[in-house]
N, C-alpha and C. Protein backbone atom coordinates (compact mmCIF):
# COMPACT_ATOMS: atom_id res chain seq x y z
N UNK A 1 22.89 -6.37 11.48
CA UNK A 1 23.61 -6.41 10.49
C UNK A 1 24.90 -5.24 10.49
N UNK A 2 25.80 -6.09 10.93
CA UNK A 2 26.86 -4.66 11.53
C UNK A 2 27.14 -3.82 10.24
N UNK A 3 27.52 -2.51 10.60
CA UNK A 3 27.83 -1.53 9.59
C UNK A 3 29.54 -1.49 9.37
N UNK A 4 29.28 -0.96 7.36
CA UNK A 4 30.91 -1.27 7.42
C UNK A 4 31.27 0.69 7.61
N UNK A 5 32.76 1.19 8.55
CA UNK A 5 32.82 1.73 8.68
C UNK A 5 32.75 3.08 7.27
N UNK A 6 33.02 2.36 6.45
CA UNK A 6 33.34 3.38 4.97
C UNK A 6 32.44 3.88 4.31
N UNK A 7 31.02 3.35 5.02
CA UNK A 7 29.12 3.29 4.11
C UNK A 7 29.07 4.65 5.23
N UNK A 8 30.00 5.06 6.28
CA UNK A 8 29.53 6.08 7.23
C UNK A 8 29.82 7.46 6.97
N UNK A 9 30.78 7.14 6.39
CA UNK A 9 32.29 8.17 5.34
C UNK A 9 31.28 8.96 4.57
N UNK A 10 30.24 8.11 4.07
CA UNK A 10 29.27 9.15 3.06
C UNK A 10 28.34 10.04 3.38
N UNK A 11 27.95 9.68 4.68
CA UNK A 11 26.40 9.57 4.96
C UNK A 11 27.23 11.55 6.39
N UNK A 12 26.51 12.97 5.12
CA UNK A 12 26.86 13.96 5.63
C UNK A 12 26.66 14.34 7.07
N UNK A 13 26.01 13.58 7.81
CA UNK A 13 26.30 13.73 9.47
C UNK A 13 26.92 12.90 10.22
N UNK A 14 27.85 11.95 9.52
CA UNK A 14 28.89 11.93 10.14
C UNK A 14 29.93 11.72 9.19
N UNK A 15 30.44 12.95 8.49
CA UNK A 15 31.21 13.06 7.18
C UNK A 15 32.73 13.57 8.07
N UNK A 16 32.44 14.41 9.25
CA UNK A 16 33.23 15.47 9.96
C UNK A 16 33.90 13.96 11.15
N UNK A 17 33.60 13.15 11.98
CA UNK A 17 33.74 11.77 12.29
C UNK A 17 35.00 11.81 11.47
N UNK A 18 36.52 11.67 12.86
CA UNK A 18 38.07 10.58 12.17
C UNK A 18 37.56 8.84 12.53
N UNK A 19 38.37 8.73 12.06
CA UNK A 19 39.22 7.34 12.02
C UNK A 19 37.97 6.83 13.19
N UNK A 20 38.55 6.82 14.43
CA UNK A 20 38.69 6.28 15.30
C UNK A 20 37.02 6.76 15.53
N UNK A 21 36.32 7.75 16.07
CA UNK A 21 34.63 8.18 15.76
C UNK A 21 33.82 7.34 15.20
N UNK A 22 34.33 7.12 13.74
CA UNK A 22 33.71 6.47 13.01
C UNK A 22 33.17 4.62 13.52
N UNK A 23 34.89 3.92 13.76
CA UNK A 23 34.85 3.19 13.65
C UNK A 23 33.73 2.65 15.21
N UNK A 24 34.21 3.51 15.89
CA UNK A 24 33.44 3.26 17.67
C UNK A 24 31.31 3.39 16.74
N UNK A 25 30.94 4.56 15.67
CA UNK A 25 29.88 4.75 15.81
C UNK A 25 29.32 2.82 14.57
N UNK A 26 30.20 2.91 13.88
CA UNK A 26 29.78 1.58 13.40
C UNK A 26 29.54 0.14 13.68
N UNK A 27 30.65 -0.10 15.12
CA UNK A 27 29.88 -0.80 15.81
C UNK A 27 29.14 -0.77 16.68
N UNK A 28 28.27 0.44 16.49
CA UNK A 28 27.02 0.43 17.50
C UNK A 28 25.56 0.57 16.55
N UNK A 29 25.62 0.99 15.22
CA UNK A 29 24.63 1.34 14.88
C UNK A 29 24.66 -0.31 13.65
N UNK A 30 23.21 -0.11 12.64
CA UNK A 30 22.81 -1.35 12.53
C UNK A 30 22.39 -0.95 11.23
N UNK A 31 22.93 -2.09 9.98
CA UNK A 31 22.33 -1.81 8.43
C UNK A 31 20.40 -2.42 8.25
N UNK A 32 19.80 -1.58 7.81
CA UNK A 32 18.80 -2.39 7.33
C UNK A 32 18.23 -2.49 6.48
N UNK A 33 17.87 -3.42 5.69
CA UNK A 33 17.33 -3.62 4.19
C UNK A 33 15.66 -3.79 4.24
N UNK A 34 15.03 -2.92 3.59
CA UNK A 34 14.09 -2.75 3.61
C UNK A 34 13.21 -3.32 2.06
N UNK A 35 12.46 -3.66 2.03
CA UNK A 35 11.89 -3.88 0.49
C UNK A 35 10.94 -3.05 -0.12
N UNK A 36 10.48 -2.89 -1.21
CA UNK A 36 9.60 -1.87 -1.88
C UNK A 36 8.32 -1.54 -1.45
N UNK A 37 7.88 -0.61 -0.83
CA UNK A 37 7.08 -0.15 0.05
C UNK A 37 6.97 -0.83 1.00
N UNK A 38 7.53 -1.09 1.87
CA UNK A 38 7.30 -1.40 3.23
C UNK A 38 7.27 -0.31 3.80
N UNK A 39 7.00 -0.67 5.19
CA UNK A 39 6.96 0.56 6.15
C UNK A 39 8.01 0.35 6.81
N UNK A 40 8.54 1.28 7.36
CA UNK A 40 9.78 1.31 8.56
C UNK A 40 9.46 2.33 9.48
N UNK A 41 8.51 2.86 9.54
CA UNK A 41 7.62 2.97 10.80
C UNK A 41 6.57 3.96 10.64
N UNK A 42 5.39 4.04 11.25
CA UNK A 42 4.45 4.85 10.81
C UNK A 42 3.88 6.00 12.32
N UNK A 43 3.22 6.59 12.15
CA UNK A 43 2.64 7.79 13.32
C UNK A 43 2.17 7.02 13.89
N UNK A 44 2.91 7.61 15.32
CA UNK A 44 2.44 7.06 16.73
C UNK A 44 3.51 5.98 17.62
N UNK A 45 4.57 5.49 16.38
CA UNK A 45 5.21 3.99 16.89
C UNK A 45 6.10 5.00 17.62
N UNK A 46 6.84 4.18 18.69
CA UNK A 46 7.80 4.92 19.89
C UNK A 46 8.62 5.31 18.94
N UNK A 47 9.37 6.65 19.19
CA UNK A 47 11.04 7.07 18.31
C UNK A 47 11.77 6.90 18.45
N UNK A 48 12.04 5.43 18.91
CA UNK A 48 13.34 5.07 19.22
C UNK A 48 14.63 5.04 18.88
N UNK A 49 14.12 5.12 17.37
CA UNK A 49 15.20 4.90 16.65
C UNK A 49 15.52 5.73 15.62
N UNK A 50 16.22 5.94 14.57
CA UNK A 50 16.00 6.98 13.58
C UNK A 50 16.68 6.54 12.32
N UNK A 51 16.95 6.87 11.39
CA UNK A 51 17.47 5.93 10.00
C UNK A 51 18.29 7.16 8.94
N UNK A 52 19.35 6.74 8.56
CA UNK A 52 20.22 7.31 7.76
C UNK A 52 19.92 5.88 6.17
N UNK A 53 20.10 6.81 5.18
CA UNK A 53 19.36 5.99 3.62
C UNK A 53 20.62 6.10 3.05
N UNK A 54 21.10 4.71 2.76
CA UNK A 54 22.46 4.11 2.33
C UNK A 54 22.37 4.19 0.83
N UNK A 55 20.60 3.35 0.46
CA UNK A 55 20.55 3.32 -1.27
C UNK A 55 19.33 3.45 -1.00
N UNK A 56 18.77 4.00 -2.28
CA UNK A 56 17.45 3.47 -2.25
C UNK A 56 16.45 5.19 -1.75
N UNK A 57 15.51 5.39 -1.65
CA UNK A 57 14.44 5.97 -1.83
C UNK A 57 13.49 6.35 -0.93
N UNK A 58 13.00 6.92 0.54
CA UNK A 58 11.92 7.28 1.85
C UNK A 58 11.00 8.19 0.71
N UNK A 59 9.64 7.48 1.60
CA UNK A 59 8.44 8.85 1.60
C UNK A 59 8.73 8.88 2.99
N UNK A 60 8.21 10.52 3.21
CA UNK A 60 8.05 10.23 4.94
C UNK A 60 6.79 11.30 4.67
N UNK A 61 6.00 10.84 5.59
CA UNK A 61 4.37 11.57 5.35
C UNK A 61 4.11 11.86 6.63
N UNK A 62 3.13 12.99 6.57
CA UNK A 62 2.24 13.10 8.00
C UNK A 62 0.94 13.01 7.55
N UNK A 63 -0.17 13.41 8.60
CA UNK A 63 -1.95 13.70 8.31
C UNK A 63 -2.06 15.32 8.92
N UNK A 64 -2.53 15.80 8.07
CA UNK A 64 -3.29 17.39 8.49
C UNK A 64 -4.29 17.10 8.73
N UNK A 65 -4.70 18.71 9.47
CA UNK A 65 -5.87 18.74 10.10
C UNK A 65 -7.04 18.18 9.46
N UNK A 66 -7.05 18.29 8.08
CA UNK A 66 -8.45 17.97 7.81
C UNK A 66 -7.94 15.97 7.19
N UNK A 67 -6.61 15.38 7.86
CA UNK A 67 -6.94 14.30 7.32
C UNK A 67 -6.41 13.88 6.37
N UNK A 68 -5.82 14.35 5.58
CA UNK A 68 -5.38 14.45 4.23
C UNK A 68 -3.37 13.84 4.57
N UNK A 69 -3.03 13.17 3.80
CA UNK A 69 -1.67 12.58 4.07
C UNK A 69 -1.06 13.22 3.25
N UNK A 70 0.11 14.16 3.78
CA UNK A 70 0.71 15.33 3.62
C UNK A 70 2.37 14.65 2.96
N UNK A 71 2.97 15.00 2.14
CA UNK A 71 4.58 13.78 2.17
C UNK A 71 5.33 15.54 2.90
N UNK A 72 6.13 14.87 3.63
CA UNK A 72 6.93 15.92 4.45
C UNK A 72 8.52 15.90 3.46
N UNK A 73 9.10 14.64 3.42
CA UNK A 73 10.25 14.51 2.50
C UNK A 73 10.55 13.17 1.69
N UNK A 74 11.04 13.20 1.07
CA UNK A 74 11.83 12.08 0.47
C UNK A 74 13.12 11.95 0.19
N UNK A 75 14.11 11.68 1.63
CA UNK A 75 15.02 11.13 1.78
C UNK A 75 15.44 10.29 0.69
N UNK A 76 16.85 10.69 0.35
CA UNK A 76 17.48 9.49 -0.79
C UNK A 76 19.28 9.63 0.24
N UNK A 77 19.93 9.04 -0.75
CA UNK A 77 21.52 8.41 -0.17
C UNK A 77 21.73 9.85 0.82
N UNK A 78 22.33 9.32 1.99
CA UNK A 78 22.58 10.09 2.67
C UNK A 78 22.27 10.98 3.64
N UNK A 79 21.24 11.02 3.19
CA UNK A 79 19.82 11.72 4.20
C UNK A 79 19.12 11.07 5.22
N UNK A 80 18.84 11.90 6.50
CA UNK A 80 18.42 11.37 7.52
C UNK A 80 16.95 11.66 7.82
N UNK A 81 16.21 10.98 8.41
CA UNK A 81 14.71 11.04 9.04
C UNK A 81 14.50 9.94 10.11
N UNK A 82 13.61 10.43 10.56
CA UNK A 82 13.14 10.02 12.60
C UNK A 82 14.22 10.59 13.70
N UNK A 83 15.24 11.35 13.56
CA UNK A 83 16.12 12.17 14.35
C UNK A 83 15.38 12.39 15.48
N UNK A 84 14.29 13.41 15.07
CA UNK A 84 13.99 14.57 16.04
C UNK A 84 13.40 13.63 17.28
N UNK A 85 12.84 12.89 16.80
CA UNK A 85 11.62 11.33 17.72
C UNK A 85 12.71 10.82 18.41
N UNK A 86 13.38 10.56 17.74
CA UNK A 86 14.73 9.38 18.43
C UNK A 86 15.53 10.25 19.19
N UNK A 87 15.58 11.61 19.42
CA UNK A 87 16.43 12.55 20.17
C UNK A 87 15.44 12.82 21.79
N UNK A 88 14.51 13.74 20.85
CA UNK A 88 13.50 13.42 22.19
C UNK A 88 12.92 12.60 23.18
N UNK A 89 12.99 11.63 22.51
CA UNK A 89 12.04 9.84 23.15
C UNK A 89 10.43 10.66 23.23
N UNK A 90 10.19 10.53 22.08
CA UNK A 90 8.95 10.89 21.93
C UNK A 90 8.27 9.90 20.73
N UNK A 91 6.80 10.02 20.35
CA UNK A 91 6.34 8.99 19.45
C UNK A 91 6.49 9.56 17.75
N UNK A 92 7.04 8.91 17.07
CA UNK A 92 7.14 9.38 15.13
C UNK A 92 5.90 10.97 15.10
N UNK A 93 5.97 11.58 14.55
CA UNK A 93 4.72 12.61 14.40
C UNK A 93 5.02 12.46 12.74
N UNK A 94 5.44 11.13 12.09
CA UNK A 94 4.94 10.97 10.84
C UNK A 94 5.54 9.37 10.65
N UNK A 95 5.21 9.40 9.05
CA UNK A 95 5.04 7.67 8.45
C UNK A 95 5.90 7.33 7.67
N UNK A 96 6.83 6.34 7.55
CA UNK A 96 8.16 6.48 6.77
C UNK A 96 7.32 5.45 6.22
N UNK A 97 8.18 5.05 4.70
CA UNK A 97 7.87 3.94 3.78
C UNK A 97 8.86 3.77 3.01
N UNK A 98 9.46 2.52 2.23
CA UNK A 98 10.32 2.30 0.93
C UNK A 98 9.30 2.61 0.12
N UNK A 99 10.48 3.39 -1.26
CA UNK A 99 9.63 3.35 -2.62
C UNK A 99 9.99 2.73 -3.58
N UNK A 100 11.23 2.15 -2.84
CA UNK A 100 12.03 1.02 -3.49
C UNK A 100 13.00 0.35 -2.48
N UNK A 101 14.03 -0.70 -3.46
CA UNK A 101 14.59 -1.46 -2.52
C UNK A 101 15.36 -0.45 -1.50
N UNK A 102 15.51 -0.50 -0.33
CA UNK A 102 16.08 0.24 0.29
C UNK A 102 16.64 -0.12 1.63
N UNK A 103 18.48 0.79 1.51
CA UNK A 103 19.08 0.46 2.53
C UNK A 103 19.43 1.21 3.66
N UNK A 104 19.28 1.29 4.64
CA UNK A 104 19.14 1.92 5.85
C UNK A 104 20.26 1.90 7.15
N UNK A 105 20.75 2.78 7.51
CA UNK A 105 21.38 2.65 8.58
C UNK A 105 20.55 3.52 9.95
N UNK A 106 20.39 2.11 10.84
CA UNK A 106 19.59 2.29 11.66
C UNK A 106 19.98 3.02 12.96
N UNK A 107 19.49 3.76 13.67
CA UNK A 107 20.46 5.06 14.40
C UNK A 107 19.77 4.85 15.88
N UNK A 108 20.24 4.73 17.27
CA UNK A 108 19.34 4.75 18.09
C UNK A 108 19.74 5.96 18.98
N UNK A 109 19.45 5.88 20.53
CA UNK A 109 19.82 7.14 21.09
C UNK A 109 20.82 6.37 21.74
N UNK A 110 20.81 5.41 22.22
CA UNK A 110 22.26 4.49 22.60
C UNK A 110 23.35 4.25 22.38
N UNK A 111 23.09 4.24 20.78
CA UNK A 111 24.25 4.35 20.07
C UNK A 111 24.95 5.83 20.10
N UNK A 112 24.54 6.87 20.21
CA UNK A 112 24.58 7.90 19.57
C UNK A 112 25.18 8.41 21.55
N UNK A 113 24.87 7.86 22.47
CA UNK A 113 25.61 8.28 23.92
C UNK A 113 26.43 7.58 23.88
N UNK A 114 26.60 6.23 23.54
CA UNK A 114 27.88 5.36 23.12
C UNK A 114 28.99 6.36 23.03
N UNK A 115 29.16 6.45 21.49
CA UNK A 115 29.73 7.64 21.17
C UNK A 115 30.23 8.66 21.84
N UNK A 116 29.17 9.24 21.99
CA UNK A 116 29.89 10.67 23.06
C UNK A 116 30.36 10.24 24.37
N UNK A 117 30.08 8.87 25.00
CA UNK A 117 30.77 8.70 26.14
C UNK A 117 32.66 8.48 25.41
N UNK A 118 32.63 7.74 24.63
CA UNK A 118 34.12 7.40 24.25
C UNK A 118 34.57 8.53 23.55
N UNK A 119 34.10 9.20 22.69
CA UNK A 119 35.00 10.16 21.73
C UNK A 119 33.62 11.37 22.04
N UNK A 120 33.96 11.99 23.20
CA UNK A 120 33.10 13.77 23.59
C UNK A 120 33.00 14.31 22.03
N UNK A 121 34.45 14.51 21.71
CA UNK A 121 34.75 15.64 20.82
C UNK A 121 33.61 15.61 19.50
N UNK A 122 32.91 14.14 19.29
CA UNK A 122 32.37 13.51 18.05
C UNK A 122 31.04 14.10 17.86
N UNK A 123 30.60 15.06 19.32
CA UNK A 123 29.42 15.36 19.37
C UNK A 123 29.39 16.79 18.46
N UNK A 124 30.77 17.60 18.58
CA UNK A 124 30.94 18.52 18.40
C UNK A 124 31.26 18.28 16.60
N UNK A 125 31.88 17.55 15.97
CA UNK A 125 31.56 17.22 14.29
C UNK A 125 30.36 17.25 14.36
N UNK A 126 29.24 16.54 14.41
CA UNK A 126 27.50 16.44 14.40
C UNK A 126 27.71 17.36 14.17
N UNK A 127 27.21 18.39 15.63
CA UNK A 127 26.89 19.74 15.56
C UNK A 127 27.18 20.56 14.51
N UNK A 128 28.60 20.72 14.08
CA UNK A 128 28.53 21.52 13.10
C UNK A 128 28.20 21.13 11.57
N UNK A 129 27.88 19.87 11.58
CA UNK A 129 27.23 19.00 9.98
C UNK A 129 25.65 19.97 10.36
N UNK A 130 25.19 19.74 11.76
CA UNK A 130 23.57 20.23 11.92
C UNK A 130 23.49 21.52 11.25
N UNK A 131 24.53 22.67 12.26
CA UNK A 131 24.47 23.75 12.03
C UNK A 131 24.27 24.54 10.49
N UNK A 132 25.15 23.55 9.80
CA UNK A 132 25.20 23.92 8.51
C UNK A 132 23.72 24.19 7.38
N UNK A 133 23.41 22.55 8.06
CA UNK A 133 22.18 22.66 7.53
C UNK A 133 21.13 23.37 7.98
N UNK A 134 21.12 24.16 9.59
CA UNK A 134 20.47 24.65 9.96
C UNK A 134 20.44 26.14 8.92
N UNK A 135 21.41 26.44 8.91
CA UNK A 135 21.86 27.50 8.20
C UNK A 135 21.23 27.45 6.95
N UNK A 136 21.46 26.70 6.02
CA UNK A 136 21.08 26.50 4.85
C UNK A 136 19.69 26.93 4.75
N UNK A 137 19.03 26.15 5.65
CA UNK A 137 17.17 26.41 5.58
C UNK A 137 16.69 27.57 6.15
N UNK A 138 17.72 28.10 6.78
CA UNK A 138 17.31 29.93 7.01
C UNK A 138 17.75 30.60 5.90
N UNK A 139 18.25 30.53 4.87
CA UNK A 139 18.57 31.02 4.09
C UNK A 139 17.62 30.65 2.97
N UNK A 140 17.52 29.60 3.04
CA UNK A 140 15.90 29.42 2.06
C UNK A 140 14.87 29.61 2.53
N UNK A 141 14.26 29.98 3.74
CA UNK A 141 12.66 30.59 3.88
C UNK A 141 13.25 31.96 3.68
N UNK A 142 14.37 33.12 3.94
CA UNK A 142 14.66 34.19 4.27
C UNK A 142 14.48 34.18 1.95
N UNK A 143 14.63 33.85 1.45
CA UNK A 143 14.89 33.73 -0.42
C UNK A 143 12.99 34.11 -0.31
N UNK A 144 12.33 32.43 -0.03
CA UNK A 144 10.93 32.22 -0.08
C UNK A 144 10.26 33.46 0.57
N UNK A 145 10.72 33.62 1.49
CA UNK A 145 9.39 34.74 1.94
C UNK A 145 10.10 36.53 1.84
N UNK A 146 10.97 36.49 1.10
CA UNK A 146 11.26 37.90 0.40
C UNK A 146 10.83 37.75 -0.86
N UNK A 147 10.11 36.92 -1.09
CA UNK A 147 9.01 37.09 -2.43
C UNK A 147 7.73 37.12 -2.37
N UNK A 148 7.18 38.08 -3.47
CA UNK A 148 5.85 38.89 -2.70
C UNK A 148 4.95 37.38 -3.28
N UNK A 149 4.20 36.69 -2.95
CA UNK A 149 2.92 35.84 -3.09
C UNK A 149 1.98 36.11 -4.62
N UNK A 150 1.89 37.26 -4.38
CA UNK A 150 0.94 37.75 -5.33
C UNK A 150 2.09 37.88 -6.66
N UNK A 151 3.06 37.93 -6.72
CA UNK A 151 4.58 37.99 -7.72
C UNK A 151 4.13 36.43 -8.33
N UNK A 152 4.39 35.87 -7.54
CA UNK A 152 4.57 34.06 -8.11
C UNK A 152 3.82 33.88 -7.93
N UNK A 153 2.43 33.80 -8.15
CA UNK A 153 1.12 33.36 -8.06
C UNK A 153 0.65 34.14 -9.83
N UNK A 154 1.35 35.80 -9.99
CA UNK A 154 1.48 36.41 -11.58
C UNK A 154 1.71 35.42 -12.30
N UNK A 155 2.98 34.90 -11.98
CA UNK A 155 4.33 34.26 -12.89
C UNK A 155 3.42 32.99 -13.32
N UNK A 156 2.55 32.46 -12.77
CA UNK A 156 2.33 30.58 -13.00
C UNK A 156 0.88 30.84 -14.17
N UNK A 157 0.63 32.17 -13.94
CA UNK A 157 -0.65 32.63 -14.61
C UNK A 157 -0.92 32.17 -15.89
N UNK A 158 -2.11 31.73 -16.93
CA UNK A 158 -2.22 31.72 -18.47
C UNK A 158 -2.61 33.11 -18.63
N UNK A 159 -2.87 33.26 -20.13
CA UNK A 159 -3.44 34.11 -20.25
C UNK A 159 -5.07 34.41 -20.06
N UNK A 160 -5.52 33.03 -20.33
CA UNK A 160 -7.07 33.25 -19.60
C UNK A 160 -7.51 33.59 -18.59
N UNK A 161 -6.37 33.17 -17.67
CA UNK A 161 -6.56 33.58 -16.19
C UNK A 161 -6.65 34.84 -16.20
N UNK A 162 -5.70 34.95 -16.22
CA UNK A 162 -4.76 37.29 -16.67
C UNK A 162 -6.33 37.90 -17.41
N UNK A 163 -6.75 37.50 -18.21
CA UNK A 163 -8.10 37.87 -18.56
C UNK A 163 -9.13 37.90 -17.57
N UNK A 164 -9.60 36.70 -16.97
CA UNK A 164 -10.75 36.00 -16.96
C UNK A 164 -10.88 37.19 -15.18
N UNK A 165 -9.09 37.52 -14.53
CA UNK A 165 -8.93 38.47 -13.48
C UNK A 165 -9.52 39.99 -13.72
N UNK A 166 -8.90 40.23 -14.93
CA UNK A 166 -9.43 41.37 -14.92
C UNK A 166 -10.88 41.95 -15.30
N UNK A 167 -11.30 41.00 -16.09
CA UNK A 167 -12.64 41.14 -16.04
C UNK A 167 -13.62 41.42 -15.03
N UNK A 168 -13.11 40.54 -13.91
CA UNK A 168 -13.49 40.58 -12.94
C UNK A 168 -13.28 41.29 -11.66
N UNK A 169 -12.27 42.03 -11.99
CA UNK A 169 -11.62 42.76 -10.76
C UNK A 169 -12.70 44.64 -11.89
N UNK A 170 -12.89 44.43 -13.18
CA UNK A 170 -13.66 45.86 -13.47
C UNK A 170 -15.00 45.14 -13.20
N UNK A 171 -15.62 44.17 -13.52
CA UNK A 171 -17.18 43.95 -13.28
C UNK A 171 -17.45 44.30 -12.00
N UNK A 172 -16.66 44.18 -11.07
CA UNK A 172 -17.04 44.22 -9.15
C UNK A 172 -16.69 45.03 -9.27
N UNK A 173 -15.99 46.64 -9.77
CA UNK A 173 -15.53 47.85 -9.85
C UNK A 173 -16.67 48.57 -9.56
N UNK A 174 -16.81 49.92 -8.99
CA UNK A 174 -17.77 50.88 -9.05
C UNK A 174 -17.89 51.65 -10.20
N UNK A 175 -16.85 51.76 -10.76
CA UNK A 175 -16.94 52.58 -12.22
C UNK A 175 -17.93 51.55 -13.06
N UNK A 176 -17.97 50.32 -13.04
CA UNK A 176 -18.49 48.97 -14.13
C UNK A 176 -20.21 49.69 -13.54
N UNK A 177 -20.68 49.34 -11.77
CA UNK A 177 -21.69 49.06 -11.42
C UNK A 177 -22.42 51.04 -11.58
N UNK A 178 -21.48 52.01 -11.35
CA UNK A 178 -21.90 53.44 -12.05
C UNK A 178 -22.74 53.44 -13.49
N UNK A 179 -21.56 52.62 -14.38
CA UNK A 179 -21.76 53.02 -14.82
C UNK A 179 -22.60 52.20 -16.00
N UNK A 180 -22.92 51.22 -15.76
CA UNK A 180 -24.16 50.05 -16.23
C UNK A 180 -25.45 50.65 -15.38
N UNK A 181 -25.67 51.05 -14.76
CA UNK A 181 -26.74 52.03 -13.80
C UNK A 181 -27.27 53.10 -14.94
N UNK A 182 -26.48 53.97 -15.18
CA UNK A 182 -26.76 54.82 -16.00
C UNK A 182 -26.96 54.29 -17.62
N UNK A 183 -26.69 53.41 -18.08
CA UNK A 183 -26.66 52.88 -19.25
C UNK A 183 -28.32 52.39 -19.39
N UNK A 184 -28.39 51.41 -17.83
CA UNK A 184 -30.07 50.99 -17.95
C UNK A 184 -30.96 51.93 -18.05
N UNK A 185 -30.30 53.12 -16.94
CA UNK A 185 -31.72 54.11 -17.21
C UNK A 185 -32.20 54.92 -18.18
N UNK A 186 -30.67 54.99 -19.06
CA UNK A 186 -30.98 55.94 -20.52
C UNK A 186 -31.27 55.27 -21.06
N UNK A 187 -31.27 53.48 -21.22
CA UNK A 187 -32.14 52.47 -22.21
C UNK A 187 -33.51 52.62 -21.68
N UNK A 188 -33.89 52.53 -20.26
CA UNK A 188 -35.69 52.64 -19.90
C UNK A 188 -35.79 53.89 -20.60
N UNK A 189 -35.64 55.16 -20.17
CA UNK A 189 -36.52 56.38 -20.22
C UNK A 189 -36.08 56.62 -21.67
N UNK A 190 -34.92 56.52 -23.09
CA UNK A 190 -35.64 56.22 -24.23
C UNK A 190 -36.71 56.43 -24.76
N UNK A 191 -36.45 54.53 -24.04
CA UNK A 191 -38.03 53.80 -24.71
C UNK A 191 -38.84 53.96 -24.37
N UNK A 192 -39.32 54.17 -23.31
CA UNK A 192 -40.57 54.57 -22.41
C UNK A 192 -41.11 55.94 -23.19
N UNK A 193 -40.25 56.83 -23.51
CA UNK A 193 -40.48 58.72 -24.37
C UNK A 193 -40.92 58.03 -25.80
N UNK A 194 -40.66 56.99 -26.32
CA UNK A 194 -41.05 56.35 -27.86
C UNK A 194 -41.60 55.96 -28.31
N UNK A 195 -42.19 54.94 -26.59
CA UNK A 195 -43.83 54.60 -26.33
C UNK A 195 -43.62 53.45 -28.00
N UNK A 196 -44.73 53.70 -28.27
CA UNK A 196 -44.84 52.09 -29.25
C UNK A 196 -43.93 52.16 -30.06
N UNK A 197 -43.22 53.22 -30.69
CA UNK A 197 -42.75 53.53 -31.60
C UNK A 197 -40.89 52.64 -31.07
N UNK A 198 -40.92 52.90 -30.25
CA UNK A 198 -39.65 51.82 -29.14
C UNK A 198 -39.10 50.55 -30.15
N UNK A 199 -38.04 50.45 -30.21
CA UNK A 199 -37.24 49.55 -30.54
C UNK A 199 -37.77 48.17 -29.38
N UNK A 200 -38.17 48.44 -28.11
CA UNK A 200 -38.32 47.80 -27.14
C UNK A 200 -39.00 48.56 -26.12
N UNK A 201 -40.35 48.72 -26.85
CA UNK A 201 -40.99 48.87 -25.43
C UNK A 201 -41.15 48.40 -24.31
N UNK A 202 -42.35 49.12 -23.18
CA UNK A 202 -41.78 48.36 -21.89
C UNK A 202 -43.36 47.19 -22.04
N UNK A 203 -42.67 46.24 -21.26
CA UNK A 203 -41.71 46.43 -20.56
C UNK A 203 -40.03 45.80 -20.79
N UNK A 204 -39.71 46.02 -21.65
CA UNK A 204 -38.21 46.14 -22.14
C UNK A 204 -37.41 44.51 -22.04
N UNK A 205 -38.71 43.75 -23.06
CA UNK A 205 -37.82 42.45 -22.96
C UNK A 205 -37.12 42.54 -23.47
N UNK A 206 -36.22 42.88 -24.74
CA UNK A 206 -35.03 43.20 -25.64
C UNK A 206 -34.46 43.14 -23.98
N UNK A 207 -34.42 44.03 -23.59
CA UNK A 207 -33.40 44.53 -22.42
C UNK A 207 -32.85 43.39 -21.35
N UNK A 208 -34.34 42.66 -21.04
CA UNK A 208 -33.84 41.88 -19.63
C UNK A 208 -32.96 40.77 -20.61
């Protein structure tokens, strides 16, 4: 299904294209409709096509080393997915499924190639958008990396968890071990010295 140029104007990746560039691209790409829970592509499929979400929502997942499914992204309006595999001409390293009725713009490598052949400067426009997103991602990583992981964990701890941590910390310390050993030795010595008059004669059942 042909794409209306107006739809492309609301896609951040193509937002800087002029009218002629947008018209060329609109003439190449296709609009695809996906039903709720419909698979768009799966892990290992040829990565010949990428997608931009016009409406709806998509879930992109991959499989980790423990063979557990991990959510990578949930792109919505104007966001894209599958572009790395499309540009590199490699198989998809993730799976994508429509979470609800979804409309996407389907773009393949040839669509981009034709646009660049006819409108070479359009490549600079798209690179400018990608550059902004790259800088935004770097900034987010710097902010996350600057935070001490221990501080983040402490912020989310409950009172019970804090108490348990303090008890565990003290119970495993040399201070506790030495103090406990002194108490045991003192207890046993006093009990043995008192003999039959002791509150806990040998073999120290109460102590046990």
